[in-house]
Amino acid sequence: MPLDHSLIGVEGPAHERTWTAKDTMLYALGVGSGLDELEFATEKGQRVLPTFAVLAAQSPGRRLGDFDPALLVHAEQGFELRRELPAAGGVRTTSKVTGIYDKGSGALVTTEARAVDLETGELVIASHSSVFIRGEGGFGGDRGPRDEWTVPDRAPDHKVTCPTRPDQALIYRLSGDLNPLHSDPDFAARAGFDRPILHGLCTYGVTGRALLHTLAGSDPSRFGAMSGRFSSPVFPGESLTVSIWADGDDVLFRTAKDDGTVVIDRGRATISRRRAL
C-alpha cells in the first residue's frame, strides 16, 4: 500500500521510557567512550552523553505503509535539550509525522517528538528526525523545504578524528536498535551493501562526543542542541573526522571518513562556551 498521508499532523499515543545507569553507560561504550571518559562509561561521578537524548525521546512509530524495511534509511536527526539528563531517569514522549515529501526516487518522512519528565511534566527533550524510503516517491507531492546550510569560507576552527571499532555496531545495537542492517550480512546485501554498516545514530553519537569534548570542556550541561543530515554510510572500523566551525555558542560541523567522504552533513549545534555557575 502507498504511504499513509493521513498520519500527517496527528499526534500518536504517549510512550513512557525509563533508563538505568547501566543503560547510559552502555550507550557511552556504544559510541566509543573508553578509559579516558570514565565519567560517562562508569558509575564514578557518572554523567550522560547529550546525544543519548535521541534514544530517550524515541517512541514506537505507527505503520507508515507497506514497503521493504531494507529500503528505509535514517536521513536526518536533531534534538534540543532543556536540561542535562540524569544517569537514570524517565520521560513520556508524544510524536507526530510532520510531512511526507516526494523526492522522486523515494519519499522523505519527517517527524517531531516532545519528551517530558515523568514526575513533573517538564519538557526535557524536543527532537526531530526524518527517514528516506527508496521507491516510495513519484506521487506528485511537495519536495519539502530547503536547508540553506553552507560551508563557512574559512578553515575549520577544530578538526577531531575519532576511531570506530570493527565490532562497534554490535556494541551499539545493545542500546536498542536491533535492525539487522547493522549485524546481518545477508540483510545488508538486500540493501545493497557488501557488509553491515554502522548505525547512523552511532556515527551521530561519535560526532556528539567530539563536539562535547572540544567545545564544552566535556560538560554536558553546556550542550544545548545538535542536528545533522546522514549523507553516506560508515562501516565499523572506519575513522571519523569532525570539522568544526564555532561562532560563539553557534556551531557548524561536518563529519567525514578518511577518504574525505562526508557522512554527516549540514551539522548544527548550540554549545555554551561558558561553564554554568
C-alpha atoms as a PDB file:
ATOM      1  CA  MET A   1       0.000   0.000   0.000  1.00  0.00           C
ATOM      2  CA  PRO A   2       1.212   3.609  -0.507  1.00  0.00           C
ATOM      3  CA  LEU A   3       2.430   5.709   2.388  1.00  0.00           C
ATOM      4  CA  ASP A   4      -0.396   6.800   4.686  1.00  0.00           C
ATOM      5  CA  HIS A   5      -0.623  10.602   4.305  1.00  0.00           C
ATOM      6  CA  SER A   6      -3.480  10.751   6.826  1.00  0.00           C
ATOM      7  CA  LEU A   7      -0.876  10.408   9.594  1.00  0.00           C
ATOM      8  CA  ILE A   8       0.489  13.917   8.974  1.00  0.00           C
ATOM      9  CA  GLY A   9      -0.126  16.180  11.961  1.00  0.00           C
ATOM     10  CA  VAL A  10      -1.842  13.517  14.061  1.00  0.00           C
ATOM     11  CA  GLU A  11      -0.222  13.029  17.458  1.00  0.00           C
ATOM     12  CA  GLY A  12       0.335   9.418  18.383  1.00  0.00           C
ATOM     13  CA  PRO A  13      -0.233   7.863  21.810  1.00  0.00           C
ATOM     14  CA  ALA A  14       2.164   8.800  24.589  1.00  0.00           C
ATOM     15  CA  HIS A  15       5.027   6.381  25.238  1.00  0.00           C
ATOM     16  CA  GLU A  16       6.881   6.109  28.543  1.00  0.00           C
ATOM     17  CA  ARG A  17      10.530   5.176  28.673  1.00  0.00           C
ATOM     18  CA  THR A  18      12.828   4.749  31.635  1.00  0.00           C
ATOM     19  CA  TRP A  19      16.549   4.088  31.674  1.00  0.00           C
ATOM     20  CA  THR A  20      19.111   2.948  34.211  1.00  0.00           C
ATOM     21  CA  ALA A  21      22.692   3.959  34.891  1.00  0.00           C
ATOM     22  CA  LYS A  22      23.773   0.773  33.093  1.00  0.00           C
ATOM     23  CA  ASP A  23      21.816   1.833  30.004  1.00  0.00           C
ATOM     24  CA  THR A  24      23.594   5.176  29.774  1.00  0.00           C
ATOM     25  CA  MET A  25      26.992   3.564  30.414  1.00  0.00           C
ATOM     26  CA  LEU A  26      26.325   1.006  27.662  1.00  0.00           C
ATOM     27  CA  TYR A  27      25.320   3.801  25.295  1.00  0.00           C
ATOM     28  CA  ALA A  28      28.590   5.615  26.020  1.00  0.00           C
ATOM     29  CA  LEU A  29      30.578   2.471  25.193  1.00  0.00           C
ATOM     30  CA  GLY A  30      28.478   2.007  22.045  1.00  0.00           C
ATOM     31  CA  VAL A  31      29.502   5.417  20.674  1.00  0.00           C
ATOM     32  CA  GLY A  32      33.183   4.988  21.529  1.00  0.00           C
ATOM     33  CA  SER A  33      33.772   6.186  25.095  1.00  0.00           C
ATOM     34  CA  GLY A  34      36.592   4.332  26.827  1.00  0.00           C
ATOM     35  CA  LEU A  35      39.252   4.565  29.504  1.00  0.00           C
ATOM     36  CA  ASP A  36      39.704   8.317  29.009  1.00  0.00           C
ATOM     37  CA  GLU A  37      35.974   9.008  29.523  1.00  0.00           C
ATOM     38  CA  LEU A  38      35.239   7.171  32.766  1.00  0.00           C
ATOM     39  CA  GLU A  39      32.722   9.818  33.868  1.00  0.00           C
ATOM     40  CA  PHE A  40      30.475   8.557  31.051  1.00  0.00           C
ATOM     41  CA  ALA A  41      31.470   4.876  30.874  1.00  0.00           C
ATOM     42  CA  THR A  42      31.466   4.034  34.607  1.00  0.00           C
ATOM     43  CA  GLU A  43      29.451   4.863  37.723  1.00  0.00           C
ATOM     44  CA  LYS A  44      32.204   7.073  39.180  1.00  0.00           C
ATOM     45  CA  GLY A  45      30.593  10.536  39.142  1.00  0.00           C
ATOM     46  CA  GLN A  46      28.538   9.360  36.192  1.00  0.00           C
ATOM     47  CA  ARG A  47      27.199  11.828  33.656  1.00  0.00           C
ATOM     48  CA  VAL A  48      25.304  11.213  30.424  1.00  0.00           C
ATOM     49  CA  LEU A  49      26.401  11.965  26.863  1.00  0.00           C
ATOM     50  CA  PRO A  50      23.971  14.564  25.441  1.00  0.00           C
ATOM     51  CA  THR A  51      23.221  12.511  22.314  1.00  0.00           C
ATOM     52  CA  PHE A  52      21.556   9.861  24.498  1.00  0.00           C
ATOM     53  CA  ALA A  53      18.628  12.300  24.326  1.00  0.00           C
ATOM     54  CA  VAL A  54      17.765  10.915  20.889  1.00  0.00           C
ATOM     55  CA  LEU A  55      17.280   7.409  22.304  1.00  0.00           C
ATOM     56  CA  ALA A  56      15.465   8.674  25.399  1.00  0.00           C
ATOM     57  CA  ALA A  57      12.901  10.521  23.247  1.00  0.00           C
ATOM     58  CA  GLN A  58      12.248   7.670  20.809  1.00  0.00           C
ATOM     59  CA  SER A  59       8.779   6.125  20.733  1.00  0.00           C
ATOM     60  CA  PRO A  60       7.293   3.307  18.630  1.00  0.00           C
ATOM     61  CA  GLY A  61       6.211   4.762  15.317  1.00  0.00           C
ATOM     62  CA  ARG A  62       2.943   3.972  13.624  1.00  0.00           C
ATOM     63  CA  ARG A  63       2.896   1.954  10.412  1.00  0.00           C
ATOM     64  CA  LEU A  64       3.729   4.292   7.524  1.00  0.00           C
ATOM     65  CA  GLY A  65       2.798   1.856   4.752  1.00  0.00           C
ATOM     66  CA  ASP A  66       3.785  -1.440   3.150  1.00  0.00           C
ATOM     67  CA  PHE A  67       7.411  -1.395   1.971  1.00  0.00           C
ATOM     68  CA  ASP A  68      10.619  -3.408   2.331  1.00  0.00           C
ATOM     69  CA  PRO A  69      12.263  -2.178   5.568  1.00  0.00           C
ATOM     70  CA  ALA A  70      15.662  -2.704   3.949  1.00  0.00           C
ATOM     71  CA  LEU A  71      14.830   0.294   1.745  1.00  0.00           C
ATOM     72  CA  LEU A  72      14.407   2.690   4.699  1.00  0.00           C
ATOM     73  CA  VAL A  73      17.379   4.722   5.896  1.00  0.00           C
ATOM     74  CA  HIS A  74      17.720   7.353   8.602  1.00  0.00           C
ATOM     75  CA  ALA A  75      18.102  10.703   6.816  1.00  0.00           C
ATOM     76  CA  GLU A  76      18.281  13.452   9.456  1.00  0.00           C
ATOM     77  CA  GLN A  77      18.329  13.800  13.220  1.00  0.00           C
ATOM     78  CA  GLY A  78      18.187  16.715  15.619  1.00  0.00           C
ATOM     79  CA  PHE A  79      17.405  17.395  19.264  1.00  0.00           C
ATOM     80  CA  GLU A  80      17.244  20.179  21.842  1.00  0.00           C
ATOM     81  CA  LEU A  81      18.000  19.519  25.495  1.00  0.00           C
ATOM     82  CA  ARG A  82      16.312  21.690  28.093  1.00  0.00           C
ATOM     83  CA  ARG A  83      18.491  20.344  30.904  1.00  0.00           C
ATOM     84  CA  GLU A  84      21.231  17.782  31.474  1.00  0.00           C
ATOM     85  CA  LEU A  85      19.970  14.205  31.512  1.00  0.00           C
ATOM     86  CA  PRO A  86      20.323  12.143  34.694  1.00  0.00           C
ATOM     87  CA  ALA A  87      22.224   8.852  34.714  1.00  0.00           C
ATOM     88  CA  ALA A  88      18.906   7.103  35.417  1.00  0.00           C
ATOM     89  CA  GLY A  89      15.509   8.593  34.676  1.00  0.00           C
ATOM     90  CA  GLY A  90      12.419   8.534  32.544  1.00  0.00           C
ATOM     91  CA  VAL A  91      10.298  10.545  30.111  1.00  0.00           C
ATOM     92  CA  ARG A  92       6.892  10.430  28.471  1.00  0.00           C
ATOM     93  CA  THR A  93       7.096  11.089  24.726  1.00  0.00           C
ATOM     94  CA  THR A  94       4.487  12.100  22.151  1.00  0.00           C
ATOM     95  CA  SER A  95       5.314  12.281  18.455  1.00  0.00           C
ATOM     96  CA  LYS A  96       3.744  13.003  15.106  1.00  0.00           C
ATOM     97  CA  VAL A  97       4.535  12.827  11.403  1.00  0.00           C
ATOM     98  CA  THR A  98       5.049  16.397  10.188  1.00  0.00           C
ATOM     99  CA  GLY A  99       5.481  15.762   6.463  1.00  0.00           C
ATOM    100  CA  ILE A 100       5.756  13.213   3.650  1.00  0.00           C
ATOM    101  CA  TYR A 101       7.751  14.690   0.793  1.00  0.00           C
ATOM    102  CA  ASP A 102       8.248  13.478  -2.760  1.00  0.00           C
ATOM    103  CA  LYS A 103      11.947  13.206  -3.601  1.00  0.00           C
ATOM    104  CA  GLY A 104      11.409  11.375  -6.891  1.00  0.00           C
ATOM    105  CA  SER A 105      13.424   8.238  -6.205  1.00  0.00           C
ATOM    106  CA  GLY A 106      11.902   7.951  -2.742  1.00  0.00           C
ATOM    107  CA  ALA A 107       9.861   9.633  -0.031  1.00  0.00           C
ATOM    108  CA  LEU A 108      11.167  11.673   2.891  1.00  0.00           C
ATOM    109  CA  VAL A 109       9.067  11.285   6.053  1.00  0.00           C
ATOM    110  CA  THR A 110       9.667  13.836   8.823  1.00  0.00           C
ATOM    111  CA  THR A 111       8.625  13.528  12.471  1.00  0.00           C
ATOM    112  CA  GLU A 112       8.763  15.567  15.670  1.00  0.00           C
ATOM    113  CA  ALA A 113       8.723  14.386  19.279  1.00  0.00           C
ATOM    114  CA  ARG A 114       8.450  16.008  22.698  1.00  0.00           C
ATOM    115  CA  ALA A 115       9.607  14.203  25.827  1.00  0.00           C
ATOM    116  CA  VAL A 116       8.565  15.395  29.289  1.00  0.00           C
ATOM    117  CA  ASP A 117       9.740  14.368  32.743  1.00  0.00           C
ATOM    118  CA  LEU A 118       7.644  11.523  34.143  1.00  0.00           C
ATOM    119  CA  GLU A 119       7.319  13.193  37.545  1.00  0.00           C
ATOM    120  CA  THR A 120       6.976  16.896  36.783  1.00  0.00           C
ATOM    121  CA  GLY A 121       5.702  17.051  33.198  1.00  0.00           C
ATOM    122  CA  GLU A 122       8.543  19.479  32.395  1.00  0.00           C
ATOM    123  CA  LEU A 123       9.744  19.431  28.777  1.00  0.00           C
ATOM    124  CA  VAL A 124      13.166  17.772  28.715  1.00  0.00           C
ATOM    125  CA  ILE A 125      13.826  16.921  25.041  1.00  0.00           C
ATOM    126  CA  ALA A 126      12.440  18.216  21.751  1.00  0.00           C
ATOM    127  CA  SER A 127      13.577  16.148  18.786  1.00  0.00           C
ATOM    128  CA  HIS A 128      13.028  15.955  15.047  1.00  0.00           C
ATOM    129  CA  SER A 129      14.064  13.358  12.516  1.00  0.00           C
ATOM    130  CA  SER A 130      13.418  12.075   9.029  1.00  0.00           C
ATOM    131  CA  VAL A 131      13.696   8.799   7.146  1.00  0.00           C
ATOM    132  CA  PHE A 132      14.141   8.247   3.417  1.00  0.00           C
ATOM    133  CA  ILE A 133      12.235   5.338   1.882  1.00  0.00           C
ATOM    134  CA  ARG A 134      13.554   4.309  -1.534  1.00  0.00           C
ATOM    135  CA  GLY A 135      10.975   3.549  -4.209  1.00  0.00           C
ATOM    136  CA  GLU A 136       8.143   5.433  -2.476  1.00  0.00           C
ATOM    137  CA  GLY A 137       8.488   8.728  -4.362  1.00  0.00           C
ATOM    138  CA  GLY A 138       6.906   9.873  -7.584  1.00  0.00           C
ATOM    139  CA  PHE A 139       3.466  10.537  -6.117  1.00  0.00           C
ATOM    140  CA  GLY A 140       3.443  14.199  -7.192  1.00  0.00           C
ATOM    141  CA  GLY A 141       3.849  15.748  -3.768  1.00  0.00           C
ATOM    142  CA  ASP A 142       5.818  18.695  -2.398  1.00  0.00           C
ATOM    143  CA  ARG A 143       9.598  18.159  -2.416  1.00  0.00           C
ATOM    144  CA  GLY A 144       9.914  19.754   1.023  1.00  0.00           C
ATOM    145  CA  PRO A 145      11.782  22.764   2.449  1.00  0.00           C
ATOM    146  CA  ARG A 146      15.381  23.541   1.534  1.00  0.00           C
ATOM    147  CA  ASP A 147      18.165  23.911   4.063  1.00  0.00           C
ATOM    148  CA  GLU A 148      20.433  26.904   3.338  1.00  0.00           C
ATOM    149  CA  TRP A 149      23.419  25.478   5.267  1.00  0.00           C
ATOM    150  CA  THR A 150      26.748  26.326   3.606  1.00  0.00           C
ATOM    151  CA  VAL A 151      30.365  25.554   4.471  1.00  0.00           C
ATOM    152  CA  PRO A 152      31.987  28.608   6.101  1.00  0.00           C
ATOM    153  CA  ASP A 153      34.536  30.453   3.960  1.00  0.00           C
ATOM    154  CA  ARG A 154      37.437  29.602   6.265  1.00  0.00           C
ATOM    155  CA  ALA A 155      39.322  26.603   7.559  1.00  0.00           C
ATOM    156  CA  PRO A 156      37.683  24.715  10.417  1.00  0.00           C
ATOM    157  CA  ASP A 157      38.420  26.030  13.872  1.00  0.00           C
ATOM    158  CA  HIS A 158      38.882  22.421  15.033  1.00  0.00           C
ATOM    159  CA  LYS A 159      39.323  19.025  13.383  1.00  0.00           C
ATOM    160  CA  VAL A 160      38.922  15.969  15.598  1.00  0.00           C
ATOM    161  CA  THR A 161      39.486  12.381  14.446  1.00  0.00           C
ATOM    162  CA  CYS A 162      37.712   9.555  16.275  1.00  0.00           C
ATOM    163  CA  PRO A 163      38.258   5.852  15.544  1.00  0.00           C
ATOM    164  CA  THR A 164      35.464   3.284  15.488  1.00  0.00           C
ATOM    165  CA  ARG A 165      35.906  -0.396  16.302  1.00  0.00           C
ATOM    166  CA  PRO A 166      35.272  -3.242  13.830  1.00  0.00           C
ATOM    167  CA  ASP A 167      32.653  -4.525  16.301  1.00  0.00           C
ATOM    168  CA  GLN A 168      31.229  -1.069  17.099  1.00  0.00           C
ATOM    169  CA  ALA A 169      27.784  -1.837  15.637  1.00  0.00           C
ATOM    170  CA  LEU A 170      27.483  -4.995  17.751  1.00  0.00           C
ATOM    171  CA  ILE A 171      28.020  -2.905  20.885  1.00  0.00           C
ATOM    172  CA  TYR A 172      25.787  -0.028  19.830  1.00  0.00           C
ATOM    173  CA  ARG A 173      22.848  -2.274  18.885  1.00  0.00           C
ATOM    174  CA  LEU A 174      22.566  -3.363  22.536  1.00  0.00           C
ATOM    175  CA  SER A 175      21.149   0.118  23.259  1.00  0.00           C
ATOM    176  CA  GLY A 176      18.003  -0.934  21.404  1.00  0.00           C
ATOM    177  CA  ASP A 177      18.426  -0.654  17.625  1.00  0.00           C
ATOM    178  CA  LEU A 178      18.455  -4.299  16.521  1.00  0.00           C
ATOM    179  CA  ASN A 179      17.990  -3.547  12.807  1.00  0.00           C
ATOM    180  CA  PRO A 180      19.795  -6.453  11.049  1.00  0.00           C
ATOM    181  CA  LEU A 181      21.224  -3.972   8.529  1.00  0.00           C
ATOM    182  CA  HIS A 182      23.940  -3.424  11.148  1.00  0.00           C
ATOM    183  CA  SER A 183      24.665  -7.051  12.048  1.00  0.00           C
ATOM    184  CA  ASP A 184      23.413  -9.485   9.363  1.00  0.00           C
ATOM    185  CA  PRO A 185      25.479  -9.675   6.147  1.00  0.00           C
ATOM    186  CA  ASP A 186      22.574 -11.221   4.210  1.00  0.00           C
ATOM    187  CA  PHE A 187      20.181  -8.431   5.195  1.00  0.00           C
ATOM    188  CA  ALA A 188      22.837  -5.802   4.409  1.00  0.00           C
ATOM    189  CA  ALA A 189      23.234  -7.342   0.938  1.00  0.00           C
ATOM    190  CA  ARG A 190      19.497  -6.838   0.289  1.00  0.00           C
ATOM    191  CA  ALA A 191      20.047  -3.148   0.973  1.00  0.00           C
ATOM    192  CA  GLY A 192      22.996  -3.029  -1.458  1.00  0.00           C
ATOM    193  CA  PHE A 193      25.923  -3.235   0.982  1.00  0.00           C
ATOM    194  CA  ASP A 194      28.684  -5.836   0.918  1.00  0.00           C
ATOM    195  CA  ARG A 195      28.697  -5.963   4.741  1.00  0.00           C
ATOM    196  CA  PRO A 196      26.720  -4.497   7.657  1.00  0.00           C
ATOM    197  CA  ILE A 197      27.003  -0.749   8.123  1.00  0.00           C
ATOM    198  CA  LEU A 198      27.328   1.295  11.303  1.00  0.00           C
ATOM    199  CA  HIS A 199      24.137   2.761  12.758  1.00  0.00           C
ATOM    200  CA  GLY A 200      23.690   6.367  11.677  1.00  0.00           C
ATOM    201  CA  LEU A 201      22.946   7.266  15.283  1.00  0.00           C
ATOM    202  CA  CYS A 202      26.231   5.680  16.334  1.00  0.00           C
ATOM    203  CA  THR A 203      28.075   7.966  13.905  1.00  0.00           C
ATOM    204  CA  TYR A 204      25.941  10.789  15.321  1.00  0.00           C
ATOM    205  CA  GLY A 205      26.960   9.856  18.881  1.00  0.00           C
ATOM    206  CA  VAL A 206      30.659   9.717  17.972  1.00  0.00           C
ATOM    207  CA  THR A 207      30.297  13.180  16.434  1.00  0.00           C
ATOM    208  CA  GLY A 208      28.487  14.457  19.529  1.00  0.00           C
ATOM    209  CA  ARG A 209      31.338  13.219  21.732  1.00  0.00           C
ATOM    210  CA  ALA A 210      33.819  15.173  19.606  1.00  0.00           C
ATOM    211  CA  LEU A 211      31.734  18.354  19.929  1.00  0.00           C
ATOM    212  CA  LEU A 212      31.247  17.855  23.673  1.00  0.00           C
ATOM    213  CA  HIS A 213      34.933  17.383  24.485  1.00  0.00           C
ATOM    214  CA  THR A 214      36.211  20.023  22.040  1.00  0.00           C
ATOM    215  CA  LEU A 215      33.799  22.888  22.726  1.00  0.00           C
ATOM    216  CA  ALA A 216      32.083  22.185  26.048  1.00  0.00           C
ATOM    217  CA  GLY A 217      35.005  21.056  28.175  1.00  0.00           C
ATOM    218  CA  SER A 218      33.290  17.647  28.442  1.00  0.00           C
ATOM    219  CA  ASP A 219      30.440  19.296  30.406  1.00  0.00           C
ATOM    220  CA  PRO A 220      27.007  18.023  29.225  1.00  0.00           C
ATOM    221  CA  SER A 221      25.211  20.931  30.926  1.00  0.00           C
ATOM    222  CA  ARG A 222      26.669  23.249  28.260  1.00  0.00           C
ATOM    223  CA  PHE A 223      25.342  21.196  25.329  1.00  0.00           C
ATOM    224  CA  GLY A 224      22.012  22.605  24.119  1.00  0.00           C
ATOM    225  CA  ALA A 225      21.232  21.211  20.672  1.00  0.00           C
ATOM    226  CA  MET A 226      22.575  19.230  17.717  1.00  0.00           C
ATOM    227  CA  SER A 227      21.305  18.323  14.251  1.00  0.00           C
ATOM    228  CA  GLY A 228      22.679  16.858  11.046  1.00  0.00           C
ATOM    229  CA  ARG A 229      21.921  15.014   7.833  1.00  0.00           C
ATOM    230  CA  PHE A 230      23.209  11.491   7.169  1.00  0.00           C
ATOM    231  CA  SER A 231      24.809  11.615   3.728  1.00  0.00           C
ATOM    232  CA  SER A 232      26.821   8.396   3.346  1.00  0.00           C
ATOM    233  CA  PRO A 233      27.196   5.079   5.196  1.00  0.00           C
ATOM    234  CA  VAL A 234      30.019   4.239   7.577  1.00  0.00           C
ATOM    235  CA  PHE A 235      31.455   0.754   8.036  1.00  0.00           C
ATOM    236  CA  PRO A 236      32.537  -0.317  11.521  1.00  0.00           C
ATOM    237  CA  GLY A 237      36.277   0.186  11.942  1.00  0.00           C
ATOM    238  CA  GLU A 238      36.477   3.357   9.850  1.00  0.00           C
ATOM    239  CA  SER A 239      37.766   6.573  11.434  1.00  0.00           C
ATOM    240  CA  LEU A 240      35.630   9.707  11.525  1.00  0.00           C
ATOM    241  CA  THR A 241      36.938  13.277  11.360  1.00  0.00           C
ATOM    242  CA  VAL A 242      34.701  16.076  12.618  1.00  0.00           C
ATOM    243  CA  SER A 243      35.368  19.546  11.167  1.00  0.00           C
ATOM    244  CA  ILE A 244      34.031  22.263  13.465  1.00  0.00           C
ATOM    245  CA  TRP A 245      33.342  25.955  12.875  1.00  0.00           C
ATOM    246  CA  ALA A 246      32.370  27.857  16.041  1.00  0.00           C
ATOM    247  CA  ASP A 247      30.854  31.342  16.201  1.00  0.00           C
ATOM    248  CA  GLY A 248      30.168  31.979  19.862  1.00  0.00           C
ATOM    249  CA  ASP A 249      27.618  29.405  21.006  1.00  0.00           C
ATOM    250  CA  ASP A 250      26.558  28.640  17.424  1.00  0.00           C
ATOM    251  CA  VAL A 251      28.392  25.747  15.806  1.00  0.00           C
ATOM    252  CA  LEU A 252      28.514  24.271  12.307  1.00  0.00           C
ATOM    253  CA  PHE A 253      30.124  20.884  11.669  1.00  0.00           C
ATOM    254  CA  ARG A 254      30.708  18.120   9.159  1.00  0.00           C
ATOM    255  CA  THR A 255      31.826  14.540   9.737  1.00  0.00           C
ATOM    256  CA  ALA A 256      33.852  12.685   7.110  1.00  0.00           C
ATOM    257  CA  LYS A 257      35.740   9.433   6.594  1.00  0.00           C
ATOM    258  CA  ASP A 258      39.466   9.184   5.905  1.00  0.00           C
ATOM    259  CA  ASP A 259      38.889   9.353   2.140  1.00  0.00           C
ATOM    260  CA  GLY A 260      37.008  12.643   2.518  1.00  0.00           C
ATOM    261  CA  THR A 261      33.508  11.199   2.070  1.00  0.00           C
ATOM    262  CA  VAL A 262      31.099  13.312   4.124  1.00  0.00           C
ATOM    263  CA  VAL A 263      28.896  11.099   6.308  1.00  0.00           C
ATOM    264  CA  ILE A 264      27.090  13.747   8.386  1.00  0.00           C
ATOM    265  CA  ASP A 265      26.421  16.990   6.536  1.00  0.00           C
ATOM    266  CA  ARG A 266      24.722  20.294   7.367  1.00  0.00           C
ATOM    267  CA  GLY A 267      25.589  19.900  11.030  1.00  0.00           C
ATOM    268  CA  ARG A 268      24.500  22.485  13.568  1.00  0.00           C
ATOM    269  CA  ALA A 269      24.900  22.626  17.338  1.00  0.00           C
ATOM    270  CA  THR A 270      24.332  25.035  20.196  1.00  0.00           C
ATOM    271  CA  ILE A 271      27.010  24.755  22.876  1.00  0.00           C
ATOM    272  CA  SER A 272      27.641  27.300  25.623  1.00  0.00           C
ATOM    273  CA  ARG A 273      31.269  28.379  25.663  1.00  0.00           C
ATOM    274  CA  ARG A 274      30.935  29.374  29.322  1.00  0.00           C
ATOM    275  CA  ARG A 275      30.692  26.981  32.234  1.00  0.00           C
ATOM    276  CA  ALA A 276      27.433  27.302  34.162  1.00  0.00           C
ATOM    277  CA  LEU A 277      27.702  28.964  37.572  1.00  0.00           C
END
